PDB file of N, CA and C in Angstrom:
ATOM      1  N   MET A   1     226.818 127.347  92.122  1.00  0.00           N
ATOM      2  CA  MET A   1     225.408 127.618  92.225  1.00  0.00           C
ATOM      3  C   MET A   1     224.888 126.905  93.473  1.00  0.00           C
ATOM      4  N   THR A   2     224.106 127.611  94.217  1.00  0.00           N
ATOM      5  CA  THR A   2     223.532 127.019  95.415  1.00  0.00           C
ATOM      6  C   THR A   2     222.027 126.930  95.251  1.00  0.00           C
ATOM      7  N   THR A   3     221.477 125.919  95.849  1.00  0.00           N
ATOM      8  CA  THR A   3     220.028 125.781  95.820  1.00  0.00           C
ATOM      9  C   THR A   3     219.485 126.137  97.188  1.00  0.00           C
ATOM     10  N   THR A   4     218.329 126.715  97.190  1.00  0.00           N
ATOM     11  CA  THR A   4     217.734 127.078  98.464  1.00  0.00           C
ATOM     12  C   THR A   4     216.424 126.334  98.627  1.00  0.00           C
ATOM     13  N   ALA A   5     216.179 125.909  99.816  1.00  0.00           N
ATOM     14  CA  ALA A   5     214.920 125.242 100.126  1.00  0.00           C
ATOM     15  C   ALA A   5     213.900 126.305 100.520  1.00  0.00           C
ATOM     16  N   PRO A   6     212.639 126.090 100.168  1.00  0.00           N
ATOM     17  CA  PRO A   6     211.645 127.075 100.589  1.00  0.00           C
ATOM     18  C   PRO A   6     211.567 127.112 102.120  1.00  0.00           C
ATOM     19  N   GLU A   7     211.476 128.314 102.635  1.00  0.00           N
ATOM     20  CA  GLU A   7     211.426 128.461 104.080  1.00  0.00           C
ATOM     21  C   GLU A   7     209.985 128.554 104.538  1.00  0.00           C
ATOM     22  N   HIS A   8     209.676 127.873 105.608  1.00  0.00           N
ATOM     23  CA  HIS A   8     208.344 127.892 106.188  1.00  0.00           C
ATOM     24  C   HIS A   8     208.459 128.401 107.609  1.00  0.00           C
ATOM     25  N   SER A   9     207.497 129.195 107.994  1.00  0.00           N
ATOM     26  CA  SER A   9     207.546 129.743 109.344  1.00  0.00           C
ATOM     27  C   SER A   9     207.118 128.713 110.385  1.00  0.00           C
ATOM     28  N   ALA A  10     206.276 127.773 109.983  1.00  0.00           N
ATOM     29  CA  ALA A  10     205.825 126.749 110.925  1.00  0.00           C
ATOM     30  C   ALA A  10     206.039 125.375 110.303  1.00  0.00           C
ATOM     31  N   ALA A  11     206.275 124.413 111.163  1.00  0.00           N
ATOM     32  CA  ALA A  11     206.457 123.041 110.679  1.00  0.00           C
ATOM     33  C   ALA A  11     205.111 122.522 110.178  1.00  0.00           C
ATOM     34  N   LEU A  12     205.119 121.924 109.005  1.00  0.00           N
ATOM     35  CA  LEU A  12     203.896 121.362 108.442  1.00  0.00           C
ATOM     36  C   LEU A  12     203.797 119.899 108.840  1.00  0.00           C
ATOM     37  N   GLY A  13     202.675 119.527 109.367  1.00  0.00           N
ATOM     38  CA  GLY A  13     202.472 118.140 109.760  1.00  0.00           C
ATOM     39  C   GLY A  13     201.902 117.337 108.602  1.00  0.00           C
ATOM     40  N   TYR A  14     202.196 116.074 108.561  1.00  0.00           N
ATOM     41  CA  TYR A  14     201.674 115.184 107.536  1.00  0.00           C
ATOM     42  C   TYR A  14     200.667 114.255 108.183  1.00  0.00           C
ATOM     43  N   VAL A  15     199.509 114.146 107.586  1.00  0.00           N
ATOM     44  CA  VAL A  15     198.488 113.244 108.091  1.00  0.00           C
ATOM     45  C   VAL A  15     198.239 112.195 107.015  1.00  0.00           C
ATOM     46  N   ASP A  16     198.420 110.952 107.367  1.00  0.00           N
ATOM     47  CA  ASP A  16     198.170 109.851 106.445  1.00  0.00           C
ATOM     48  C   ASP A  16     196.669 109.594 106.397  1.00  0.00           C
ATOM     49  N   PRO A  17     196.018 109.831 105.244  1.00  0.00           N
ATOM     50  CA  PRO A  17     194.565 109.640 105.185  1.00  0.00           C
ATOM     51  C   PRO A  17     194.151 108.177 105.305  1.00  0.00           C
ATOM     52  N   TYR A  18     195.081 107.245 105.183  1.00  0.00           N
ATOM     53  CA  TYR A  18     194.758 105.826 105.251  1.00  0.00           C
ATOM     54  C   TYR A  18     195.169 105.189 106.584  1.00  0.00           C
ATOM     55  N   ALA A  19     195.614 106.010 107.520  1.00  0.00           N
ATOM     56  CA  ALA A  19     196.037 105.487 108.813  1.00  0.00           C
ATOM     57  C   ALA A  19     194.820 105.011 109.599  1.00  0.00           C
ATOM     58  N   VAL A  20     194.989 103.913 110.310  1.00  0.00           N
ATOM     59  CA  VAL A  20     193.912 103.395 111.155  1.00  0.00           C
ATOM     60  C   VAL A  20     194.422 103.299 112.584  1.00  0.00           C
ATOM     61  N   ASP A  21     193.503 103.467 113.520  1.00  0.00           N
ATOM     62  CA  ASP A  21     193.906 103.353 114.914  1.00  0.00           C
ATOM     63  C   ASP A  21     193.817 101.896 115.355  1.00  0.00           C
ATOM     64  N   ALA A  22     194.047 101.649 116.630  1.00  0.00           N
ATOM     65  CA  ALA A  22     194.075 100.285 117.147  1.00  0.00           C
ATOM     66  C   ALA A  22     192.734  99.581 116.988  1.00  0.00           C
ATOM     67  N   ALA A  23     191.630 100.331 116.963  1.00  0.00           N
ATOM     68  CA  ALA A  23     190.304  99.726 116.815  1.00  0.00           C
ATOM     69  C   ALA A  23     189.989  99.420 115.358  1.00  0.00           C
ATOM     70  N   GLY A  24     190.876  99.804 114.440  1.00  0.00           N
ATOM     71  CA  GLY A  24     190.652  99.526 113.028  1.00  0.00           C
ATOM     72  C   GLY A  24     189.787 100.569 112.331  1.00  0.00           C
ATOM     73  N   THR A  25     189.577 101.706 112.976  1.00  0.00           N
ATOM     74  CA  THR A  25     188.800 102.765 112.353  1.00  0.00           C
ATOM     75  C   THR A  25     189.745 103.811 111.786  1.00  0.00           C
ATOM     76  N   PHE A  26     189.273 104.536 110.815  1.00  0.00           N
ATOM     77  CA  PHE A  26     190.099 105.564 110.186  1.00  0.00           C
ATOM     78  C   PHE A  26     190.342 106.707 111.153  1.00  0.00           C
ATOM     79  N   TRP A  27     191.541 107.243 111.086  1.00  0.00           N
ATOM     80  CA  TRP A  27     191.887 108.376 111.918  1.00  0.00           C
ATOM     81  C   TRP A  27     192.464 109.454 111.050  1.00  0.00           C
ATOM     82  N   PRO A  28     192.196 110.701 111.180  1.00  0.00           N
ATOM     83  CA  PRO A  28     191.181 111.246 112.062  1.00  0.00           C
ATOM     84  C   PRO A  28     189.804 111.143 111.415  1.00  0.00           C
ATOM     85  N   ASP A  29     188.790 111.030 112.237  1.00  0.00           N
ATOM     86  CA  ASP A  29     187.429 110.974 111.720  1.00  0.00           C
ATOM     87  C   ASP A  29     187.056 112.323 111.124  1.00  0.00           C
ATOM     88  N   PRO A  30     186.431 112.335 109.948  1.00  0.00           N
ATOM     89  CA  PRO A  30     185.945 113.598 109.417  1.00  0.00           C
ATOM     90  C   PRO A  30     184.913 114.197 110.368  1.00  0.00           C
ATOM     91  N   ALA A  31     184.875 115.485 110.427  1.00  0.00           N
ATOM     92  CA  ALA A  31     183.966 116.169 111.349  1.00  0.00           C
ATOM     93  C   ALA A  31     182.528 115.780 111.067  1.00  0.00           C
ATOM     94  N   GLY A  32     181.858 115.301 112.093  1.00  0.00           N
ATOM     95  CA  GLY A  32     180.447 114.976 111.986  1.00  0.00           C
ATOM     96  C   GLY A  32     180.138 113.663 111.296  1.00  0.00           C
ATOM     97  N   SER A  33     181.152 112.864 110.978  1.00  0.00           N
ATOM     98  CA  SER A  33     180.859 111.628 110.253  1.00  0.00           C
ATOM     99  C   SER A  33     180.632 110.451 111.180  1.00  0.00           C
ATOM    100  N   GLY A  34     181.044 110.551 112.423  1.00  0.00           N
ATOM    101  CA  GLY A  34     180.873 109.437 113.345  1.00  0.00           C
ATOM    102  C   GLY A  34     182.040 108.469 113.251  1.00  0.00           C
ATOM    103  N   ARG A  35     182.167 107.626 114.235  1.00  0.00           N
ATOM    104  CA  ARG A  35     183.284 106.675 114.266  1.00  0.00           C
ATOM    105  C   ARG A  35     183.061 105.549 113.258  1.00  0.00           C
ATOM    106  N   GLY A  36     184.140 105.135 112.625  1.00  0.00           N
ATOM    107  CA  GLY A  36     184.094 103.966 111.770  1.00  0.00           C
ATOM    108  C   GLY A  36     183.586 104.211 110.357  1.00  0.00           C
ATOM    109  N   THR A  37     183.380 105.434 109.978  1.00  0.00           N
ATOM    110  CA  THR A  37     182.945 105.695 108.605  1.00  0.00           C
ATOM    111  C   THR A  37     184.130 106.176 107.799  1.00  0.00           C
ATOM    112  N   ASP A  38     184.085 105.977 106.529  1.00  0.00           N
ATOM    113  CA  ASP A  38     185.184 106.415 105.683  1.00  0.00           C
ATOM    114  C   ASP A  38     184.720 107.344 104.580  1.00  0.00           C
ATOM    115  N   HIS A  39     183.604 107.990 104.746  1.00  0.00           N
ATOM    116  CA  HIS A  39     183.130 108.928 103.737  1.00  0.00           C
ATOM    117  C   HIS A  39     182.887 110.282 104.378  1.00  0.00           C
ATOM    118  N   LEU A  40     183.004 111.325 103.576  1.00  0.00           N
ATOM    119  CA  LEU A  40     182.850 112.676 104.088  1.00  0.00           C
ATOM    120  C   LEU A  40     181.429 113.192 103.916  1.00  0.00           C
ATOM    121  N   LEU A  41     180.678 112.636 103.017  1.00  0.00           N
ATOM    122  CA  LEU A  41     179.328 113.113 102.749  1.00  0.00           C
ATOM    123  C   LEU A  41     178.295 112.200 103.381  1.00  0.00           C
ATOM    124  N   PRO A  42     177.176 112.760 103.792  1.00  0.00           N
ATOM    125  CA  PRO A  42     176.112 111.896 104.324  1.00  0.00           C
ATOM    126  C   PRO A  42     175.485 111.096 103.193  1.00  0.00           C
ATOM    127  N   PRO A  43     174.808 109.994 103.493  1.00  0.00           N
ATOM    128  CA  PRO A  43     174.160 109.228 102.429  1.00  0.00           C
ATOM    129  C   PRO A  43     173.079 110.070 101.756  1.00  0.00           C
ATOM    130  N   PRO A  44     172.790 109.812 100.485  1.00  0.00           N
ATOM    131  CA  PRO A  44     171.798 110.613  99.778  1.00  0.00           C
ATOM    132  C   PRO A  44     170.405 110.430 100.363  1.00  0.00           C
ATOM    133  N   ASP A  45     169.616 111.487 100.277  1.00  0.00           N
ATOM    134  CA  ASP A  45     168.240 111.467 100.756  1.00  0.00           C
ATOM    135  C   ASP A  45     167.336 111.118  99.573  1.00  0.00           C
ATOM    136  N   PRO A  46     166.652 109.961  99.596  1.00  0.00           N
ATOM    137  CA  PRO A  46     165.798 109.576  98.471  1.00  0.00           C
ATOM    138  C   PRO A  46     164.718 110.598  98.160  1.00  0.00           C
ATOM    139  N   ALA A  47     164.276 111.372  99.141  1.00  0.00           N
ATOM    140  CA  ALA A  47     163.228 112.362  98.898  1.00  0.00           C
ATOM    141  C   ALA A  47     163.730 113.528  98.049  1.00  0.00           C
ATOM    142  N   GLN A  48     165.048 113.721  97.974  1.00  0.00           N
ATOM    143  CA  GLN A  48     165.607 114.834  97.206  1.00  0.00           C
ATOM    144  C   GLN A  48     166.026 114.429  95.797  1.00  0.00           C
ATOM    145  N   ARG A  49     165.826 113.190  95.430  1.00  0.00           N
ATOM    146  CA  ARG A  49     166.210 112.743  94.088  1.00  0.00           C
ATOM    147  C   ARG A  49     165.294 113.353  93.032  1.00  0.00           C
ATOM    148  N   LEU A  50     165.859 113.596  91.891  1.00  0.00           N
ATOM    149  CA  LEU A  50     165.071 114.111  90.776  1.00  0.00           C
ATOM    150  C   LEU A  50     164.271 112.977  90.161  1.00  0.00           C
ATOM    151  N   ASP A  51     163.073 113.268  89.783  1.00  0.00           N
ATOM    152  CA  ASP A  51     162.200 112.251  89.184  1.00  0.00           C
ATOM    153  C   ASP A  51     162.321 112.326  87.661  1.00  0.00           C
ATOM    154  N   LEU A  52     163.470 111.911  87.155  1.00  0.00           N
ATOM    155  CA  LEU A  52     163.736 111.934  85.723  1.00  0.00           C
ATOM    156  C   LEU A  52     164.040 110.522  85.245  1.00  0.00           C
ATOM    157  N   ALA A  53     163.510 110.185  84.110  1.00  0.00           N
ATOM    158  CA  ALA A  53     163.785 108.871  83.523  1.00  0.00           C
ATOM    159  C   ALA A  53     164.709 109.057  82.320  1.00  0.00           C
ATOM    160  N   LEU A  54     165.609 108.102  82.132  1.00  0.00           N
ATOM    161  CA  LEU A  54     166.497 108.140  80.973  1.00  0.00           C
ATOM    162  C   LEU A  54     165.743 107.674  79.741  1.00  0.00           C
ATOM    163  N   SER A  55     166.064 108.288  78.628  1.00  0.00           N
ATOM    164  CA  SER A  55     165.487 107.807  77.378  1.00  0.00           C
ATOM    165  C   SER A  55     166.154 106.477  77.027  1.00  0.00           C
ATOM    166  N   PRO A  56     165.489 105.653  76.227  1.00  0.00           N
ATOM    167  CA  PRO A  56     166.115 104.375  75.844  1.00  0.00           C
ATOM    168  C   PRO A  56     167.473 104.567  75.169  1.00  0.00           C
ATOM    169  N   ARG A  57     167.597 105.628  74.369  1.00  0.00           N
ATOM    170  CA  ARG A  57     168.868 105.892  73.686  1.00  0.00           C
ATOM    171  C   ARG A  57     169.972 106.202  74.705  1.00  0.00           C
ATOM    172  N   ASP A  58     169.663 107.032  75.713  1.00  0.00           N
ATOM    173  CA  ASP A  58     170.661 107.346  76.738  1.00  0.00           C
ATOM    174  C   ASP A  58     171.010 106.107  77.557  1.00  0.00           C
ATOM    175  N   HIS A  59     170.014 105.279  77.819  1.00  0.00           N
ATOM    176  CA  HIS A  59     170.263 104.039  78.566  1.00  0.00           C
ATOM    177  C   HIS A  59     171.186 103.120  77.770  1.00  0.00           C
ATOM    178  N   ARG A  60     170.948 102.990  76.463  1.00  0.00           N
ATOM    179  CA  ARG A  60     171.821 102.161  75.623  1.00  0.00           C
ATOM    180  C   ARG A  60     173.227 102.744  75.550  1.00  0.00           C
ATOM    181  N   ARG A  61     173.337 104.088  75.515  1.00  0.00           N
ATOM    182  CA  ARG A  61     174.647 104.739  75.464  1.00  0.00           C
ATOM    183  C   ARG A  61     175.443 104.432  76.733  1.00  0.00           C
ATOM    184  N   LEU A  62     174.802 104.557  77.893  1.00  0.00           N
ATOM    185  CA  LEU A  62     175.487 104.256  79.146  1.00  0.00           C
ATOM    186  C   LEU A  62     175.855 102.778  79.249  1.00  0.00           C
ATOM    187  N   ASP A  63     174.951 101.901  78.798  1.00  0.00           N
ATOM    188  CA  ASP A  63     175.244 100.466  78.807  1.00  0.00           C
ATOM    189  C   ASP A  63     176.431 100.141  77.897  1.00  0.00           C
ATOM    190  N   LEU A  64     176.493 100.811  76.743  1.00  0.00           N
ATOM    191  CA  LEU A  64     177.599 100.562  75.823  1.00  0.00           C
ATOM    192  C   LEU A  64     178.919 101.056  76.417  1.00  0.00           C
ATOM    193  N   HIS A  65     178.905 102.219  77.058  1.00  0.00           N
ATOM    194  CA  HIS A  65     180.114 102.710  77.745  1.00  0.00           C
ATOM    195  C   HIS A  65     180.580 101.694  78.782  1.00  0.00           C
ATOM    196  N   ALA A  66     179.639 101.184  79.585  1.00  0.00           N
ATOM    197  CA  ALA A  66     179.992 100.220  80.627  1.00  0.00           C
ATOM    198  C   ALA A  66     180.515  98.922  80.020  1.00  0.00           C
ATOM    199  N   ALA A  67     179.873  98.432  78.967  1.00  0.00           N
ATOM    200  CA  ALA A  67     180.300  97.177  78.342  1.00  0.00           C
ATOM    201  C   ALA A  67     181.695  97.311  77.740  1.00  0.00           C
ATOM    202  N   LEU A  68     181.965  98.432  77.090  1.00  0.00           N
ATOM    203  CA  LEU A  68     183.302  98.645  76.521  1.00  0.00           C
ATOM    204  C   LEU A  68     184.358  98.706  77.619  1.00  0.00           C
ATOM    205  N   THR A  69     184.052  99.398  78.694  1.00  0.00           N
ATOM    206  CA  THR A  69     185.009  99.525  79.793  1.00  0.00           C
ATOM    207  C   THR A  69     185.265  98.171  80.443  1.00  0.00           C
ATOM    208  N   MET A  70     184.199  97.386  80.657  1.00  0.00           N
ATOM    209  CA  MET A  70     184.364  96.062  81.259  1.00  0.00           C
ATOM    210  C   MET A  70     185.136  95.123  80.347  1.00  0.00           C
ATOM    211  N   ALA A  71     185.047  95.333  79.042  1.00  0.00           N
ATOM    212  CA  ALA A  71     185.775  94.492  78.096  1.00  0.00           C
ATOM    213  C   ALA A  71     187.237  94.924  77.952  1.00  0.00           C
ATOM    214  N   GLY A  72     187.629  95.964  78.686  1.00  0.00           N
ATOM    215  CA  GLY A  72     189.012  96.427  78.618  1.00  0.00           C
ATOM    216  C   GLY A  72     189.255  97.402  77.494  1.00  0.00           C
ATOM    217  N   ILE A  73     188.190  97.999  76.974  1.00  0.00           N
ATOM    218  CA  ILE A  73     188.293  98.973  75.884  1.00  0.00           C
ATOM    219  C   ILE A  73     187.649 100.273  76.367  1.00  0.00           C
ATOM    220  N   PRO A  74     188.301 101.014  77.247  1.00  0.00           N
ATOM    221  CA  PRO A  74     187.671 102.234  77.741  1.00  0.00           C
ATOM    222  C   PRO A  74     187.497 103.247  76.615  1.00  0.00           C
ATOM    223  N   PRO A  75     186.298 103.783  76.451  1.00  0.00           N
ATOM    224  CA  PRO A  75     186.059 104.743  75.374  1.00  0.00           C
ATOM    225  C   PRO A  75     186.877 106.014  75.570  1.00  0.00           C
ATOM    226  N   ARG A  76     187.387 106.519  74.482  1.00  0.00           N
ATOM    227  CA  ARG A  76     188.120 107.777  74.486  1.00  0.00           C
ATOM    228  C   ARG A  76     187.158 108.905  74.143  1.00  0.00           C
ATOM    229  N   PRO A  77     187.531 110.133  74.434  1.00  0.00           N
ATOM    230  CA  PRO A  77     186.638 111.253  74.105  1.00  0.00           C
ATOM    231  C   PRO A  77     186.299 111.327  72.615  1.00  0.00           C
ATOM    232  N   GLU A  78     187.223 110.939  71.755  1.00  0.00           N
ATOM    233  CA  GLU A  78     186.954 110.996  70.316  1.00  0.00           C
ATOM    234  C   GLU A  78     186.009 109.884  69.847  1.00  0.00           C
ATOM    235  N   ASP A  79     185.713 108.926  70.720  1.00  0.00           N
ATOM    236  CA  ASP A  79     184.774 107.845  70.398  1.00  0.00           C
ATOM    237  C   ASP A  79     183.321 108.223  70.675  1.00  0.00           C
ATOM    238  N   ARG A  80     183.103 109.405  71.201  1.00  0.00           N
ATOM    239  CA  ARG A  80     181.753 109.795  71.615  1.00  0.00           C
ATOM    240  C   ARG A  80     180.759 109.779  70.459  1.00  0.00           C
ATOM    241  N   ASP A  81     181.161 110.288  69.307  1.00  0.00           N
ATOM    242  CA  ASP A  81     180.245 110.323  68.163  1.00  0.00           C
ATOM    243  C   ASP A  81     179.867 108.911  67.721  1.00  0.00           C
ATOM    244  N   ALA A  82     180.830 108.005  67.682  1.00  0.00           N
ATOM    245  CA  ALA A  82     180.545 106.628  67.284  1.00  0.00           C
ATOM    246  C   ALA A  82     179.605 105.958  68.284  1.00  0.00           C
ATOM    247  N   ILE A  83     179.819 106.192  69.565  1.00  0.00           N
ATOM    248  CA  ILE A  83     178.947 105.601  70.589  1.00  0.00           C
ATOM    249  C   ILE A  83     177.546 106.183  70.485  1.00  0.00           C
ATOM    250  N   ASP A  84     177.446 107.493  70.220  1.00  0.00           N
ATOM    251  CA  ASP A  84     176.129 108.112  70.052  1.00  0.00           C
ATOM    252  C   ASP A  84     175.392 107.515  68.850  1.00  0.00           C
ATOM    253  N   GLN A  85     176.108 107.268  67.764  1.00  0.00           N
ATOM    254  CA  GLN A  85     175.481 106.684  66.579  1.00  0.00           C
ATOM    255  C   GLN A  85     175.037 105.246  66.845  1.00  0.00           C
ATOM    256  N   LEU A  86     175.871 104.481  67.536  1.00  0.00           N
ATOM    257  CA  LEU A  86     175.499 103.101  67.866  1.00  0.00           C
ATOM    258  C   LEU A  86     174.313 103.064  68.834  1.00  0.00           C
ATOM    259  N   SER A  87     174.236 104.033  69.723  1.00  0.00           N
ATOM    260  CA  SER A  87     173.139 104.081  70.687  1.00  0.00           C
ATOM    261  C   SER A  87     171.813 104.432  70.022  1.00  0.00           C
ATOM    262  N   ALA A  88     171.881 105.061  68.864  1.00  0.00           N
ATOM    263  CA  ALA A  88     170.658 105.419  68.145  1.00  0.00           C
ATOM    264  C   ALA A  88     170.038 104.205  67.452  1.00  0.00           C
ATOM    265  N   LEU A  89     170.806 103.121  67.302  1.00  0.00           N
ATOM    266  CA  LEU A  89     170.279 101.913  66.675  1.00  0.00           C
ATOM    267  C   LEU A  89     169.320 101.204  67.628  1.00  0.00           C
ATOM    268  N   SER A  90     168.630 100.224  67.143  1.00  0.00           N
ATOM    269  CA  SER A  90     167.612  99.542  67.943  1.00  0.00           C
ATOM    270  C   SER A  90     168.219  98.819  69.139  1.00  0.00           C
ATOM    271  N   GLY A  91     167.356  98.456  70.070  1.00  0.00           N
ATOM    272  CA  GLY A  91     167.793  97.739  71.262  1.00  0.00           C
ATOM    273  C   GLY A  91     168.384  96.378  70.949  1.00  0.00           C
ATOM    274  N   SER A  92     167.892  95.717  69.893  1.00  0.00           N
ATOM    275  CA  SER A  92     168.432  94.398  69.544  1.00  0.00           C
ATOM    276  C   SER A  92     169.863  94.510  69.026  1.00  0.00           C
ATOM    277  N   VAL A  93     170.163  95.586  68.281  1.00  0.00           N
ATOM    278  CA  VAL A  93     171.539  95.798  67.809  1.00  0.00           C
ATOM    279  C   VAL A  93     172.446  96.069  69.000  1.00  0.00           C
ATOM    280  N   ASN A  94     171.978  96.877  69.938  1.00  0.00           N
ATOM    281  CA  ASN A  94     172.765  97.184  71.126  1.00  0.00           C
ATOM    282  C   ASN A  94     172.998  95.929  71.955  1.00  0.00           C
ATOM    283  N   ALA A  95     171.978  95.065  72.067  1.00  0.00           N
ATOM    284  CA  ALA A  95     172.125  93.817  72.816  1.00  0.00           C
ATOM    285  C   ALA A  95     173.158  92.909  72.152  1.00  0.00           C
ATOM    286  N   ALA A  96     173.169  92.875  70.818  1.00  0.00           N
ATOM    287  CA  ALA A  96     174.161  92.065  70.108  1.00  0.00           C
ATOM    288  C   ALA A  96     175.567  92.604  70.346  1.00  0.00           C
ATOM    289  N   LEU A  97     175.733  93.918  70.303  1.00  0.00           N
ATOM    290  CA  LEU A  97     177.049  94.513  70.565  1.00  0.00           C
ATOM    291  C   LEU A  97     177.548  94.156  71.961  1.00  0.00           C
ATOM    292  N   GLN A  98     176.657  94.266  72.936  1.00  0.00           N
ATOM    293  CA  GLN A  98     177.060  93.944  74.302  1.00  0.00           C
ATOM    294  C   GLN A  98     177.366  92.465  74.466  1.00  0.00           C
ATOM    295  N   ARG A  99     176.602  91.601  73.778  1.00  0.00           N
ATOM    296  CA  ARG A  99     176.870  90.167  73.842  1.00  0.00           C
ATOM    297  C   ARG A  99     178.238  89.870  73.247  1.00  0.00           C
ATOM    298  N   TRP A 100     178.580  90.528  72.136  1.00  0.00           N
ATOM    299  CA  TRP A 100     179.884  90.321  71.526  1.00  0.00           C
ATOM    300  C   TRP A 100     181.000  90.788  72.446  1.00  0.00           C
ATOM    301  N   LEU A 101     180.770  91.915  73.148  1.00  0.00           N
ATOM    302  CA  LEU A 101     181.804  92.437  74.035  1.00  0.00           C
ATOM    303  C   LEU A 101     181.981  91.566  75.273  1.00  0.00           C
ATOM    304  N   HIS A 102     180.911  90.924  75.736  1.00  0.00           N
ATOM    305  CA  HIS A 102     180.977  90.096  76.936  1.00  0.00           C
ATOM    306  C   HIS A 102     181.421  88.667  76.644  1.00  0.00           C
ATOM    307  N   HIS A 103     181.552  88.312  75.366  1.00  0.00           N
ATOM    308  CA  HIS A 103     181.925  86.950  74.994  1.00  0.00           C
ATOM    309  C   HIS A 103     183.319  86.643  75.529  1.00  0.00           C
ATOM    310  N   PRO A 104     183.466  85.499  76.228  1.00  0.00           N
ATOM    311  CA  PRO A 104     184.798  85.169  76.774  1.00  0.00           C
ATOM    312  C   PRO A 104     185.785  84.909  75.644  1.00  0.00           C
ATOM    313  N   ARG A 105     186.978  85.337  75.884  1.00  0.00           N
ATOM    314  CA  ARG A 105     188.043  85.187  74.876  1.00  0.00           C
ATOM    315  C   ARG A 105     188.723  83.857  75.016  1.00  0.00           C
TER     316      ARG A 105
END
């Protein structure tokens, strides 16, 4: 049995996205990004932001996700219902949960 390699009509070049030139800037620069930047998108325009406020429950839910992740317990998709139920509790209960999660071991 013989194996065949895929044939290409042209040589494919490899570009290391983490390569830096002698000046310490990333090479190649993304089009229109300017020298020395490492992002492809322009910074956000504050005038285009949506004027929406999070509800206290959503704020507690996001805080609980962050606290669990920082404690080394990243929430799984099946934990969503439990986190939603905990977020529905009062702010003092949520503060106690976060204090327990941040307690040094």
